[in-house]
Amino acid sequence: MTEEIVSLWRAHQQAALPEVPRESEGELLVLDEVIGGCVVFYLESGQRLDPIRVVILEDCRADLERLLPDLEEAAAAYFTRLGVLAKLLLAGAAAEGHP
């Protein structure tokens, strides 16, 4: 699973931030930063997440699910990849015994 996270993270870092609807731009940029920060923490901490980041990622995934239907194709692909990263991190945390 870590290899998949690293691969997706590299692709995400190389992707240009797409145009997004103005009304959700701030929220989407925050989600990008927060989930990205959790990915970096996970990779730098020996593939572990603390309970606070687990809760943060769950909230971020819920926010992404709410916002994705309003995005155009390029933005939807960019933020869907971010959602997959969050999902993989949460699966890793669940395997460690975090709720």
Protein backbone atom coordinates (compact mmCIF):
# COMPACT_ATOMS: atom_id res chain seq x y z
CA MET A 1 0.00 0.00 0.00
CA THR A 2 2.87 2.40 0.73
CA GLU A 3 4.12 2.07 -2.84
CA GLU A 4 0.69 3.06 -4.13
CA ILE A 5 0.61 6.06 -1.79
CA VAL A 6 4.09 7.16 -2.90
CA SER A 7 3.16 6.76 -6.57
CA LEU A 8 -0.08 8.70 -6.23
CA TRP A 9 1.60 11.37 -4.13
CA ARG A 10 4.33 11.89 -6.75
CA ALA A 11 1.70 12.18 -9.47
CA HIS A 12 -0.25 14.64 -7.35
CA GLN A 13 2.80 16.79 -6.67
CA GLN A 14 3.59 16.95 -10.38
CA ALA A 15 0.05 17.85 -11.40
CA ALA A 16 -0.89 21.47 -11.91
CA LEU A 17 -3.64 22.79 -9.69
CA PRO A 18 -6.71 22.90 -11.94
CA GLU A 19 -9.29 25.63 -12.25
CA VAL A 20 -12.05 25.20 -9.68
CA PRO A 21 -15.33 27.00 -9.04
CA ARG A 22 -14.69 30.29 -7.29
CA GLU A 23 -17.24 29.55 -4.56
CA SER A 24 -15.38 26.40 -3.45
CA GLU A 25 -11.82 27.44 -4.30
CA GLY A 26 -10.75 28.27 -0.74
CA GLU A 27 -12.14 25.08 0.71
CA LEU A 28 -10.56 22.94 -2.02
CA LEU A 29 -7.16 24.58 -1.57
CA VAL A 30 -7.31 23.93 2.18
CA LEU A 31 -8.25 20.28 1.55
CA ASP A 32 -5.30 19.96 -0.83
CA GLU A 33 -2.92 21.35 1.78
CA VAL A 34 -4.32 19.39 4.72
CA ILE A 35 -4.46 16.01 2.98
CA GLY A 36 -1.03 16.65 1.46
CA GLY A 37 0.32 17.41 4.92
CA CYS A 38 -1.10 14.14 6.21
CA VAL A 39 0.55 12.25 3.34
CA VAL A 40 3.91 13.82 4.13
CA PHE A 41 3.49 13.06 7.85
CA TYR A 42 2.57 9.44 7.04
CA LEU A 43 5.58 8.92 4.79
CA GLU A 44 8.03 10.64 7.13
CA SER A 45 6.77 8.96 10.31
CA GLY A 46 7.26 5.36 9.23
CA GLN A 47 3.81 4.93 7.64
CA ARG A 48 1.82 5.85 10.74
CA LEU A 49 -0.92 8.34 11.50
CA ASP A 50 -1.87 9.68 14.88
CA PRO A 51 -5.54 9.67 15.95
CA ILE A 52 -5.95 13.40 15.32
CA ARG A 53 -4.89 13.06 11.68
CA VAL A 54 -7.26 10.12 11.26
CA VAL A 55 -10.17 12.35 12.31
CA ILE A 56 -8.93 15.18 10.09
CA LEU A 57 -8.69 12.86 7.07
CA GLU A 58 -12.19 11.48 7.68
CA ASP A 59 -13.54 15.05 7.71
CA CYS A 60 -11.57 15.92 4.57
CA ARG A 61 -12.94 12.90 2.71
CA ALA A 62 -16.49 13.90 3.62
CA ASP A 63 -15.82 17.44 2.38
CA LEU A 64 -14.35 16.14 -0.88
CA GLU A 65 -17.35 13.88 -1.48
CA ARG A 66 -19.61 16.91 -1.09
CA LEU A 67 -17.55 19.11 -3.42
CA LEU A 68 -16.57 16.64 -6.18
CA PRO A 69 -19.92 16.63 -8.05
CA ASP A 70 -19.53 20.36 -8.83
CA LEU A 71 -16.07 20.04 -10.39
CA GLU A 72 -15.16 19.92 -14.06
CA GLU A 73 -13.26 16.92 -15.42
CA ALA A 74 -9.65 18.06 -14.73
CA ALA A 75 -10.46 19.33 -11.25
CA ALA A 76 -12.50 16.22 -10.47
CA ALA A 77 -9.54 13.98 -11.44
CA TYR A 78 -7.12 16.06 -9.33
CA PHE A 79 -9.30 16.03 -6.22
CA THR A 80 -10.42 12.42 -6.71
CA ARG A 81 -6.74 11.40 -6.57
CA LEU A 82 -6.46 13.40 -3.35
CA GLY A 83 -9.48 11.51 -1.98
CA VAL A 84 -7.89 8.19 -2.90
CA LEU A 85 -4.76 9.21 -1.01
CA ALA A 86 -6.86 10.02 2.05
CA LYS A 87 -8.68 6.69 1.72
CA LEU A 88 -5.40 4.76 1.53
CA LEU A 89 -4.01 6.57 4.55
CA LEU A 90 -7.17 5.80 6.52
CA ALA A 91 -7.00 2.13 5.47
CA GLY A 92 -3.42 2.03 6.74
CA ALA A 93 -4.49 3.62 10.02
CA ALA A 94 -7.33 1.11 10.40
CA ALA A 95 -4.85 -1.72 9.87
CA GLU A 96 -2.79 -0.26 12.71
CA GLY A 97 -5.82 -0.37 14.98
CA HIS A 98 -6.95 3.26 14.81
CA PRO A 99 -10.73 3.55 14.64
